[in-house]
PDB file of N, CA and C in Angstrom:
ATOM      1  N   MET A   1    -170.863   1.533-150.849  1.00  0.00           N
ATOM      2  CA  MET A   1    -172.257   0.690-150.606  1.00  0.00           C
ATOM      3  C   MET A   1    -172.827   1.045-149.207  1.00  0.00           C
ATOM      4  N   LYS A   2    -174.346   0.725-149.207  1.00  0.00           N
ATOM      5  CA  LYS A   2    -174.515   1.153-148.386  1.00  0.00           C
ATOM      6  C   LYS A   2    -174.441  -0.188-147.703  1.00  0.00           C
ATOM      7  N   LYS A   3    -174.767   0.107-146.093  1.00  0.00           N
ATOM      8  CA  LYS A   3    -174.507  -0.901-145.493  1.00  0.00           C
ATOM      9  C   LYS A   3    -175.762  -1.892-145.682  1.00  0.00           C
ATOM     10  N   THR A   4    -177.001  -1.399-145.865  1.00  0.00           N
ATOM     11  CA  THR A   4    -177.400  -3.281-146.498  1.00  0.00           C
ATOM     12  C   THR A   4    -177.466  -3.697-147.451  1.00  0.00           C
ATOM     13  N   MET A   5    -176.727  -3.116-148.542  1.00  0.00           N
ATOM     14  CA  MET A   5    -176.050  -4.032-149.460  1.00  0.00           C
ATOM     15  C   MET A   5    -174.833  -4.822-148.718  1.00  0.00           C
ATOM     16  N   ILE A   6    -174.301  -4.514-148.628  1.00  0.00           N
ATOM     17  CA  ILE A   6    -173.042  -5.370-147.421  1.00  0.00           C
ATOM     18  C   ILE A   6    -173.324  -6.074-147.106  1.00  0.00           C
ATOM     19  N   LEU A   7    -174.388  -5.867-145.939  1.00  0.00           N
ATOM     20  CA  LEU A   7    -175.172  -7.096-145.461  1.00  0.00           C
ATOM     21  C   LEU A   7    -176.062  -8.114-145.870  1.00  0.00           C
ATOM     22  N   ALA A   8    -176.366  -7.717-147.160  1.00  0.00           N
ATOM     23  CA  ALA A   8    -177.187  -9.046-148.020  1.00  0.00           C
ATOM     24  C   ALA A   8    -176.112  -9.653-148.583  1.00  0.00           C
ATOM     25  N   ILE A   9    -175.185  -9.052-149.078  1.00  0.00           N
ATOM     26  CA  ILE A   9    -174.133  -9.629-149.969  1.00  0.00           C
ATOM     27  C   ILE A   9    -173.698 -10.532-149.019  1.00  0.00           C
ATOM     28  N   LEU A  10    -173.520 -10.462-147.554  1.00  0.00           N
ATOM     29  CA  LEU A  10    -172.461 -11.117-146.816  1.00  0.00           C
ATOM     30  C   LEU A  10    -173.943 -12.450-146.450  1.00  0.00           C
ATOM     31  N   ALA A  11    -174.953 -11.817-146.057  1.00  0.00           N
ATOM     32  CA  ALA A  11    -176.187 -13.016-145.657  1.00  0.00           C
ATOM     33  C   ALA A  11    -175.995 -14.149-146.946  1.00  0.00           C
ATOM     34  N   ILE A  12    -175.708 -13.520-148.136  1.00  0.00           N
ATOM     35  CA  ILE A  12    -175.794 -14.701-149.396  1.00  0.00           C
ATOM     36  C   ILE A  12    -174.668 -15.534-149.546  1.00  0.00           C
ATOM     37  N   PHE A  13    -173.503 -15.061-149.101  1.00  0.00           N
ATOM     38  CA  PHE A  13    -172.485 -15.633-149.239  1.00  0.00           C
ATOM     39  C   PHE A  13    -172.348 -16.299-147.882  1.00  0.00           C
ATOM     40  N   VAL A  14    -173.102 -16.323-146.650  1.00  0.00           N
ATOM     41  CA  VAL A  14    -172.643 -17.200-145.828  1.00  0.00           C
ATOM     42  C   VAL A  14    -174.120 -17.978-145.875  1.00  0.00           C
ATOM     43  N   LEU A  15    -175.434 -17.703-146.679  1.00  0.00           N
ATOM     44  CA  LEU A  15    -176.206 -19.061-146.830  1.00  0.00           C
ATOM     45  C   LEU A  15    -175.839 -20.111-147.816  1.00  0.00           C
ATOM     46  N   ILE A  16    -174.954 -19.599-148.989  1.00  0.00           N
ATOM     47  CA  ILE A  16    -173.934 -19.945-150.225  1.00  0.00           C
ATOM     48  C   ILE A  16    -173.290 -21.496-149.496  1.00  0.00           C
ATOM     49  N   LEU A  17    -172.070 -20.995-148.127  1.00  0.00           N
ATOM     50  CA  LEU A  17    -171.184 -21.299-148.028  1.00  0.00           C
ATOM     51  C   LEU A  17    -171.992 -22.295-146.736  1.00  0.00           C
ATOM     52  N   PHE A  18    -172.879 -21.937-146.014  1.00  0.00           N
ATOM     53  CA  PHE A  18    -174.036 -22.821-145.236  1.00  0.00           C
ATOM     54  C   PHE A  18    -174.673 -24.471-146.000  1.00  0.00           C
ATOM     55  N   SER A  19    -174.870 -23.848-147.260  1.00  0.00           N
ATOM     56  CA  SER A  19    -175.699 -24.820-148.330  1.00  0.00           C
ATOM     57  C   SER A  19    -174.256 -25.778-148.580  1.00  0.00           C
ATOM     58  N   ALA A  20    -173.351 -25.463-148.883  1.00  0.00           N
ATOM     59  CA  ALA A  20    -172.081 -26.165-149.335  1.00  0.00           C
ATOM     60  C   ALA A  20    -171.630 -27.321-148.361  1.00  0.00           C
ATOM     61  N   SER A  21    -172.024 -26.795-147.208  1.00  0.00           N
ATOM     62  CA  SER A  21    -170.931 -27.698-146.379  1.00  0.00           C
ATOM     63  C   SER A  21    -172.332 -28.613-146.212  1.00  0.00           C
ATOM     64  N   CYS A  22    -173.513 -28.629-146.616  1.00  0.00           N
ATOM     65  CA  CYS A  22    -174.389 -29.962-146.178  1.00  0.00           C
ATOM     66  C   CYS A  22    -174.627 -30.885-147.274  1.00  0.00           C
ATOM     67  N   VAL A  23    -173.747 -30.523-148.258  1.00  0.00           N
ATOM     68  CA  VAL A  23    -173.727 -31.556-149.307  1.00  0.00           C
ATOM     69  C   VAL A  23    -173.321 -32.899-149.101  1.00  0.00           C
ATOM     70  N   PRO A  24    -173.684 -34.159-149.424  1.00  0.00           N
ATOM     71  CA  PRO A  24    -173.117 -35.322-149.054  1.00  0.00           C
ATOM     72  C   PRO A  24    -171.130 -35.374-149.457  1.00  0.00           C
ATOM     73  N   GLY A  25    -170.693 -36.143-149.061  1.00  0.00           N
ATOM     74  CA  GLY A  25    -169.514 -36.520-149.699  1.00  0.00           C
ATOM     75  C   GLY A  25    -169.589 -37.661-150.564  1.00  0.00           C
ATOM     76  N   PRO A  26    -169.105 -38.251-151.184  1.00  0.00           N
ATOM     77  CA  PRO A  26    -169.198 -39.493-152.235  1.00  0.00           C
ATOM     78  C   PRO A  26    -169.296 -40.977-151.380  1.00  0.00           C
ATOM     79  N   ASN A  27    -169.737 -41.600-152.310  1.00  0.00           N
ATOM     80  CA  ASN A  27    -170.401 -42.904-151.906  1.00  0.00           C
ATOM     81  C   ASN A  27    -169.313 -44.128-151.907  1.00  0.00           C
ATOM     82  N   ASP A  28    -168.713 -44.787-151.828  1.00  0.00           N
ATOM     83  CA  ASP A  28    -167.344 -45.573-151.921  1.00  0.00           C
ATOM     84  C   ASP A  28    -167.634 -47.199-152.012  1.00  0.00           C
ATOM     85  N   VAL A  29    -169.429 -47.096-151.946  1.00  0.00           N
ATOM     86  CA  VAL A  29    -169.383 -48.573-152.438  1.00  0.00           C
ATOM     87  C   VAL A  29    -170.857 -48.420-153.581  1.00  0.00           C
ATOM     88  N   GLU A  30    -170.270 -47.169-154.265  1.00  0.00           N
ATOM     89  CA  GLU A  30    -171.589 -47.406-155.359  1.00  0.00           C
ATOM     90  C   GLU A  30    -170.539 -48.647-156.172  1.00  0.00           C
ATOM     91  N   LYS A  31    -171.257 -48.896-156.998  1.00  0.00           N
ATOM     92  CA  LYS A  31    -171.439 -50.387-158.110  1.00  0.00           C
ATOM     93  C   LYS A  31    -170.322 -50.846-157.502  1.00  0.00           C
ATOM     94  N   THR A  32    -170.541 -51.150-156.521  1.00  0.00           N
ATOM     95  CA  THR A  32    -169.915 -52.432-155.564  1.00  0.00           C
ATOM     96  C   THR A  32    -171.258 -53.329-155.328  1.00  0.00           C
ATOM     97  N   PRO A  33    -171.457 -54.661-155.291  1.00  0.00           N
ATOM     98  CA  PRO A  33    -172.346 -55.666-155.092  1.00  0.00           C
ATOM     99  C   PRO A  33    -172.197 -55.710-153.165  1.00  0.00           C
ATOM    100  N   GLY A  34    -173.512 -55.412-152.645  1.00  0.00           N
ATOM    101  CA  GLY A  34    -173.657 -55.366-151.007  1.00  0.00           C
ATOM    102  C   GLY A  34    -173.618 -56.620-150.905  1.00  0.00           C
ATOM    103  N   ALA A  35    -173.875 -57.700-149.461  1.00  0.00           N
ATOM    104  CA  ALA A  35    -174.006 -58.756-149.134  1.00  0.00           C
ATOM    105  C   ALA A  35    -174.359 -59.905-149.645  1.00  0.00           C
ATOM    106  N   LYS A  36    -175.424 -59.733-150.240  1.00  0.00           N
ATOM    107  CA  LYS A  36    -176.088 -60.469-151.048  1.00  0.00           C
ATOM    108  C   LYS A  36    -175.485 -60.831-152.780  1.00  0.00           C
ATOM    109  N   GLY A  37    -175.153 -59.601-152.921  1.00  0.00           N
ATOM    110  CA  GLY A  37    -174.297 -59.832-154.286  1.00  0.00           C
ATOM    111  C   GLY A  37    -174.816 -59.137-155.559  1.00  0.00           C
ATOM    112  N   HIS A  38    -175.820 -58.038-155.133  1.00  0.00           N
ATOM    113  CA  HIS A  38    -176.518 -57.295-155.413  1.00  0.00           C
ATOM    114  C   HIS A  38    -176.503 -55.787-155.496  1.00  0.00           C
ATOM    115  N   VAL A  39    -176.502 -55.371-157.024  1.00  0.00           N
ATOM    116  CA  VAL A  39    -176.045 -53.755-156.633  1.00  0.00           C
ATOM    117  C   VAL A  39    -177.691 -53.168-157.162  1.00  0.00           C
ATOM    118  N   ALA A  40    -177.806 -52.447-156.479  1.00  0.00           N
ATOM    119  CA  ALA A  40    -179.440 -51.553-156.823  1.00  0.00           C
ATOM    120  C   ALA A  40    -179.563 -51.047-158.272  1.00  0.00           C
ATOM    121  N   GLY A  41    -180.546 -51.219-158.743  1.00  0.00           N
ATOM    122  CA  GLY A  41    -180.683 -49.920-160.245  1.00  0.00           C
ATOM    123  C   GLY A  41    -181.655 -49.280-160.042  1.00  0.00           C
ATOM    124  N   PHE A  42    -182.517 -48.545-161.547  1.00  0.00           N
ATOM    125  CA  PHE A  42    -183.435 -47.902-161.098  1.00  0.00           C
ATOM    126  C   PHE A  42    -184.935 -48.087-160.519  1.00  0.00           C
ATOM    127  N   PHE A  43    -185.134 -49.901-161.040  1.00  0.00           N
ATOM    128  CA  PHE A  43    -186.656 -50.152-160.577  1.00  0.00           C
ATOM    129  C   PHE A  43    -186.504 -50.133-158.526  1.00  0.00           C
ATOM    130  N   LEU A  44    -185.407 -51.036-158.357  1.00  0.00           N
ATOM    131  CA  LEU A  44    -185.193 -51.094-156.536  1.00  0.00           C
ATOM    132  C   LEU A  44    -185.093 -49.457-156.263  1.00  0.00           C
ATOM    133  N   GLY A  45    -184.653 -48.564-157.010  1.00  0.00           N
ATOM    134  CA  GLY A  45    -184.539 -47.078-156.558  1.00  0.00           C
ATOM    135  C   GLY A  45    -186.166 -46.196-156.463  1.00  0.00           C
ATOM    136  N   VAL A  46    -186.657 -46.722-157.552  1.00  0.00           N
ATOM    137  CA  VAL A  46    -188.097 -46.367-157.393  1.00  0.00           C
ATOM    138  C   VAL A  46    -189.041 -47.082-156.083  1.00  0.00           C
ATOM    139  N   TRP A  47    -188.503 -48.049-156.457  1.00  0.00           N
ATOM    140  CA  TRP A  47    -189.512 -49.100-154.766  1.00  0.00           C
ATOM    141  C   TRP A  47    -188.925 -48.098-153.648  1.00  0.00           C
ATOM    142  N   HIS A  48    -187.450 -48.068-153.296  1.00  0.00           N
ATOM    143  CA  HIS A  48    -187.504 -47.625-152.371  1.00  0.00           C
ATOM    144  C   HIS A  48    -187.876 -46.035-152.082  1.00  0.00           C
ATOM    145  N   GLY A  49    -188.067 -45.438-152.868  1.00  0.00           N
ATOM    146  CA  GLY A  49    -188.219 -44.258-153.217  1.00  0.00           C
ATOM    147  C   GLY A  49    -190.081 -44.015-152.857  1.00  0.00           C
ATOM    148  N   PHE A  50    -190.288 -45.300-153.344  1.00  0.00           N
ATOM    149  CA  PHE A  50    -192.161 -44.999-152.704  1.00  0.00           C
ATOM    150  C   PHE A  50    -192.034 -45.408-151.624  1.00  0.00           C
ATOM    151  N   ILE A  51    -191.372 -46.223-151.034  1.00  0.00           N
ATOM    152  CA  ILE A  51    -191.634 -46.919-149.528  1.00  0.00           C
ATOM    153  C   ILE A  51    -190.743 -45.820-148.904  1.00  0.00           C
ATOM    154  N   SER A  52    -189.970 -45.113-149.087  1.00  0.00           N
ATOM    155  CA  SER A  52    -189.555 -44.341-147.917  1.00  0.00           C
ATOM    156  C   SER A  52    -189.715 -43.685-146.992  1.00  0.00           C
ATOM    157  N   PRO A  53    -191.184 -43.234-146.893  1.00  0.00           N
ATOM    158  CA  PRO A  53    -191.654 -42.480-145.824  1.00  0.00           C
ATOM    159  C   PRO A  53    -191.943 -43.740-144.630  1.00  0.00           C
ATOM    160  N   VAL A  54    -192.354 -45.155-145.226  1.00  0.00           N
ATOM    161  CA  VAL A  54    -192.394 -46.072-144.045  1.00  0.00           C
ATOM    162  C   VAL A  54    -190.622 -46.365-143.459  1.00  0.00           C
ATOM    163  N   THR A  55    -189.954 -46.433-144.983  1.00  0.00           N
ATOM    164  CA  THR A  55    -188.462 -47.082-144.314  1.00  0.00           C
ATOM    165  C   THR A  55    -188.232 -45.821-143.293  1.00  0.00           C
ATOM    166  N   PHE A  56    -188.444 -44.635-143.773  1.00  0.00           N
ATOM    167  CA  PHE A  56    -187.470 -43.709-142.694  1.00  0.00           C
ATOM    168  C   PHE A  56    -188.025 -43.525-141.155  1.00  0.00           C
ATOM    169  N   ILE A  57    -189.522 -44.230-140.971  1.00  0.00           N
ATOM    170  CA  ILE A  57    -189.959 -44.458-139.209  1.00  0.00           C
ATOM    171  C   ILE A  57    -189.318 -45.488-138.894  1.00  0.00           C
ATOM    172  N   VAL A  58    -189.508 -46.574-139.636  1.00  0.00           N
ATOM    173  CA  VAL A  58    -188.562 -47.921-139.050  1.00  0.00           C
ATOM    174  C   VAL A  58    -187.532 -47.535-138.927  1.00  0.00           C
ATOM    175  N   SER A  59    -186.494 -47.284-139.936  1.00  0.00           N
ATOM    176  CA  SER A  59    -185.389 -46.693-139.572  1.00  0.00           C
ATOM    177  C   SER A  59    -185.037 -45.971-138.019  1.00  0.00           C
ATOM    178  N   ILE A  60    -185.573 -45.224-137.762  1.00  0.00           N
ATOM    179  CA  ILE A  60    -185.237 -44.511-136.572  1.00  0.00           C
ATOM    180  C   ILE A  60    -185.635 -45.863-135.653  1.00  0.00           C
ATOM    181  N   PHE A  61    -186.487 -46.755-135.615  1.00  0.00           N
ATOM    182  CA  PHE A  61    -186.408 -47.840-134.389  1.00  0.00           C
ATOM    183  C   PHE A  61    -185.223 -48.770-134.437  1.00  0.00           C
ATOM    184  N   THR A  62    -184.966 -49.278-135.386  1.00  0.00           N
ATOM    185  CA  THR A  62    -183.980 -50.571-135.874  1.00  0.00           C
ATOM    186  C   THR A  62    -182.880 -50.231-136.154  1.00  0.00           C
ATOM    187  N   ARG A  63    -181.627 -50.766-136.299  1.00  0.00           N
ATOM    188  CA  ARG A  63    -180.499 -50.306-136.851  1.00  0.00           C
ATOM    189  C   ARG A  63    -180.104 -51.227-138.211  1.00  0.00           C
ATOM    190  N   SER A  64    -181.067 -52.162-138.079  1.00  0.00           N
ATOM    191  CA  SER A  64    -181.131 -52.858-139.686  1.00  0.00           C
ATOM    192  C   SER A  64    -181.629 -52.474-140.786  1.00  0.00           C
ATOM    193  N   VAL A  65    -182.758 -51.642-141.062  1.00  0.00           N
ATOM    194  CA  VAL A  65    -183.017 -50.728-141.978  1.00  0.00           C
ATOM    195  C   VAL A  65    -182.525 -49.320-141.981  1.00  0.00           C
ATOM    196  N   ARG A  66    -182.457 -49.020-143.417  1.00  0.00           N
ATOM    197  CA  ARG A  66    -181.285 -47.728-143.887  1.00  0.00           C
ATOM    198  C   ARG A  66    -182.476 -47.214-144.639  1.00  0.00           C
ATOM    199  N   LEU A  67    -182.490 -46.039-144.922  1.00  0.00           N
ATOM    200  CA  LEU A  67    -183.340 -45.313-146.101  1.00  0.00           C
ATOM    201  C   LEU A  67    -183.080 -45.540-147.288  1.00  0.00           C
ATOM    202  N   TYR A  68    -181.831 -45.590-147.174  1.00  0.00           N
ATOM    203  CA  TYR A  68    -180.949 -45.556-149.093  1.00  0.00           C
ATOM    204  C   TYR A  68    -180.122 -46.882-149.140  1.00  0.00           C
ATOM    205  N   GLU A  69    -179.985 -47.466-149.952  1.00  0.00           N
ATOM    206  CA  GLU A  69    -179.400 -48.737-150.658  1.00  0.00           C
ATOM    207  C   GLU A  69    -177.880 -47.710-151.143  1.00  0.00           C
ATOM    208  N   VAL A  70    -176.790 -48.245-150.292  1.00  0.00           N
ATOM    209  CA  VAL A  70    -175.796 -47.421-150.893  1.00  0.00           C
ATOM    210  C   VAL A  70    -174.883 -48.231-152.015  1.00  0.00           C
ATOM    211  N   HIS A  71    -175.479 -49.655-151.988  1.00  0.00           N
ATOM    212  CA  HIS A  71    -175.222 -50.444-152.880  1.00  0.00           C
ATOM    213  C   HIS A  71    -175.899 -50.244-154.366  1.00  0.00           C
ATOM    214  N   ASN A  72    -175.768 -49.300-154.981  1.00  0.00           N
ATOM    215  CA  ASN A  72    -176.135 -48.510-155.676  1.00  0.00           C
ATOM    216  C   ASN A  72    -175.707 -48.584-156.927  1.00  0.00           C
ATOM    217  N   ASN A  73    -176.243 -48.543-158.372  1.00  0.00           N
ATOM    218  CA  ASN A  73    -175.806 -48.159-159.685  1.00  0.00           C
ATOM    219  C   ASN A  73    -175.488 -46.797-160.076  1.00  0.00           C
ATOM    220  N   GLY A  74    -175.916 -45.932-158.944  1.00  0.00           N
ATOM    221  CA  GLY A  74    -175.261 -44.439-159.028  1.00  0.00           C
ATOM    222  C   GLY A  74    -176.899 -43.302-159.701  1.00  0.00           C
ATOM    223  N   SER A  75    -176.263 -43.253-160.645  1.00  0.00           N
ATOM    224  CA  SER A  75    -177.380 -42.119-161.169  1.00  0.00           C
ATOM    225  C   SER A  75    -178.876 -42.614-161.355  1.00  0.00           C
ATOM    226  N   TRP A  76    -178.652 -43.886-162.151  1.00  0.00           N
ATOM    227  CA  TRP A  76    -179.961 -44.090-162.520  1.00  0.00           C
ATOM    228  C   TRP A  76    -180.960 -44.472-161.081  1.00  0.00           C
ATOM    229  N   TYR A  77    -180.402 -45.044-160.230  1.00  0.00           N
ATOM    230  CA  TYR A  77    -180.618 -45.522-158.824  1.00  0.00           C
ATOM    231  C   TYR A  77    -181.332 -44.336-158.165  1.00  0.00           C
ATOM    232  N   ASN A  78    -180.663 -43.290-158.546  1.00  0.00           N
ATOM    233  CA  ASN A  78    -180.912 -41.963-157.542  1.00  0.00           C
ATOM    234  C   ASN A  78    -182.082 -41.291-158.498  1.00  0.00           C
ATOM    235  N   PHE A  79    -182.176 -41.293-159.726  1.00  0.00           N
ATOM    236  CA  PHE A  79    -183.355 -40.731-160.638  1.00  0.00           C
ATOM    237  C   PHE A  79    -184.109 -41.403-159.959  1.00  0.00           C
ATOM    238  N   GLY A  80    -184.404 -42.897-159.892  1.00  0.00           N
ATOM    239  CA  GLY A  80    -185.329 -44.087-159.623  1.00  0.00           C
ATOM    240  C   GLY A  80    -185.700 -43.739-157.961  1.00  0.00           C
ATOM    241  N   PHE A  81    -185.041 -43.754-157.478  1.00  0.00           N
ATOM    242  CA  PHE A  81    -185.473 -43.085-155.535  1.00  0.00           C
ATOM    243  C   PHE A  81    -186.323 -41.786-155.942  1.00  0.00           C
ATOM    244  N   VAL A  82    -185.944 -41.024-156.747  1.00  0.00           N
ATOM    245  CA  VAL A  82    -186.391 -39.279-156.628  1.00  0.00           C
ATOM    246  C   VAL A  82    -187.766 -39.626-157.053  1.00  0.00           C
ATOM    247  N   LEU A  83    -188.047 -40.535-157.919  1.00  0.00           N
ATOM    248  CA  LEU A  83    -189.194 -40.504-159.015  1.00  0.00           C
ATOM    249  C   LEU A  83    -190.306 -41.228-157.864  1.00  0.00           C
ATOM    250  N   GLY A  84    -189.743 -42.371-157.167  1.00  0.00           N
ATOM    251  CA  GLY A  84    -190.529 -42.805-156.189  1.00  0.00           C
ATOM    252  C   GLY A  84    -191.200 -42.468-154.791  1.00  0.00           C
ATOM    253  N   ALA A  85    -190.052 -41.424-154.351  1.00  0.00           N
ATOM    254  CA  ALA A  85    -190.589 -40.083-153.895  1.00  0.00           C
ATOM    255  C   ALA A  85    -191.248 -39.455-154.020  1.00  0.00           C
ATOM    256  N   GLY A  86    -191.373 -38.925-155.273  1.00  0.00           N
ATOM    257  CA  GLY A  86    -192.381 -38.370-155.555  1.00  0.00           C
ATOM    258  C   GLY A  86    -193.653 -38.681-155.969  1.00  0.00           C
ATOM    259  N   LEU A  87    -193.529 -40.212-156.438  1.00  0.00           N
ATOM    260  CA  LEU A  87    -194.959 -40.709-157.137  1.00  0.00           C
ATOM    261  C   LEU A  87    -195.923 -40.597-155.076  1.00  0.00           C
ATOM    262  N   PHE A  88    -195.020 -41.327-154.557  1.00  0.00           N
ATOM    263  CA  PHE A  88    -196.137 -41.474-153.299  1.00  0.00           C
ATOM    264  C   PHE A  88    -196.435 -40.328-152.710  1.00  0.00           C
ATOM    265  N   LEU A  89    -195.383 -39.151-153.053  1.00  0.00           N
ATOM    266  CA  LEU A  89    -196.564 -37.628-152.433  1.00  0.00           C
ATOM    267  C   LEU A  89    -197.370 -36.906-153.427  1.00  0.00           C
ATOM    268  N   SER A  90    -197.831 -37.620-154.380  1.00  0.00           N
ATOM    269  CA  SER A  90    -198.392 -37.208-155.352  1.00  0.00           C
ATOM    270  C   SER A  90    -197.852 -36.384-156.080  1.00  0.00           C
ATOM    271  N   GLY A  91    -196.547 -36.385-156.453  1.00  0.00           N
ATOM    272  CA  GLY A  91    -196.170 -35.065-156.829  1.00  0.00           C
ATOM    273  C   GLY A  91    -195.147 -34.126-156.379  1.00  0.00           C
ATOM    274  N   GLY A  92    -195.144 -33.976-154.850  1.00  0.00           N
ATOM    275  CA  GLY A  92    -195.175 -32.731-154.323  1.00  0.00           C
ATOM    276  C   GLY A  92    -195.616 -31.309-154.685  1.00  0.00           C
ATOM    277  N   ILE A  93    -194.560 -30.552-154.504  1.00  0.00           N
ATOM    278  CA  ILE A  93    -195.284 -29.094-154.543  1.00  0.00           C
ATOM    279  C   ILE A  93    -195.742 -29.086-155.860  1.00  0.00           C
ATOM    280  N   MET A  94    -194.886 -29.453-157.152  1.00  0.00           N
ATOM    281  CA  MET A  94    -195.425 -30.009-158.841  1.00  0.00           C
ATOM    282  C   MET A  94    -196.823 -31.040-159.064  1.00  0.00           C
ATOM    283  N   GLY A  95    -196.930 -31.391-158.080  1.00  0.00           N
ATOM    284  CA  GLY A  95    -198.256 -32.401-158.142  1.00  0.00           C
ATOM    285  C   GLY A  95    -199.370 -32.123-158.535  1.00  0.00           C
ATOM    286  N   ARG A  96    -200.733 -32.797-158.432  1.00  0.00           N
ATOM    287  CA  ARG A  96    -202.132 -31.975-158.342  1.00  0.00           C
ATOM    288  C   ARG A  96    -202.431 -31.607-157.390  1.00  0.00           C
ATOM    289  N   LYS A  97    -203.630 -30.134-158.191  1.00  0.00           N
ATOM    290  CA  LYS A  97    -204.235 -29.111-157.249  1.00  0.00           C
ATOM    291  C   LYS A  97    -205.115 -29.876-156.821  1.00  0.00           C
ATOM    292  N   LYS A  98    -205.778 -29.245-155.116  1.00  0.00           N
ATOM    293  CA  LYS A  98    -206.747 -29.904-155.109  1.00  0.00           C
ATOM    294  C   LYS A  98    -207.605 -28.827-155.284  1.00  0.00           C
ATOM    295  N   SER A  99    -208.990 -29.309-155.402  1.00  0.00           N
ATOM    296  CA  SER A  99    -210.445 -29.201-156.166  1.00  0.00           C
ATOM    297  C   SER A  99    -210.656 -27.791-155.081  1.00  0.00           C
ATOM    298  N   GLN A 100    -211.548 -27.178-155.260  1.00  0.00           N
ATOM    299  CA  GLN A 100    -212.017 -25.993-154.974  1.00  0.00           C
ATOM    300  C   GLN A 100    -213.070 -26.222-154.912  1.00  0.00           C
ATOM    301  N   LYS A 101    -214.160 -26.024-154.160  1.00  0.00           N
ATOM    302  CA  LYS A 101    -215.399 -26.460-153.780  1.00  0.00           C
ATOM    303  C   LYS A 101    -215.988 -24.994-153.642  1.00  0.00           C
ATOM    304  N   GLY A 102    -216.841 -24.682-154.754  1.00  0.00           N
ATOM    305  CA  GLY A 102    -217.691 -23.336-154.317  1.00  0.00           C
ATOM    306  C   GLY A 102    -218.139 -23.036-155.375  1.00  0.00           C
TER     307      GLY A 102
END
């Protein structure tokens, strides 16, 4: 094998290993009620995702606000959160295209 091929394979392996090390661990309080006795579901996930940019800024300056509700019902909350964040960001990279003037 050529040196460049070996270096490319090694670089891909290191990139995959690095990416895997960034994966979050399990949420031990998933599907358990919070202090107020509620478990966040899909619609609360949509809301939290929609307000996530503002929540992120506030969470930098205070310890009582978190970006993500850990007392959630699992996959439906996660789906709602991503959907809400996408709504705020106009769909991100897959969203509407800017009109070209000219």
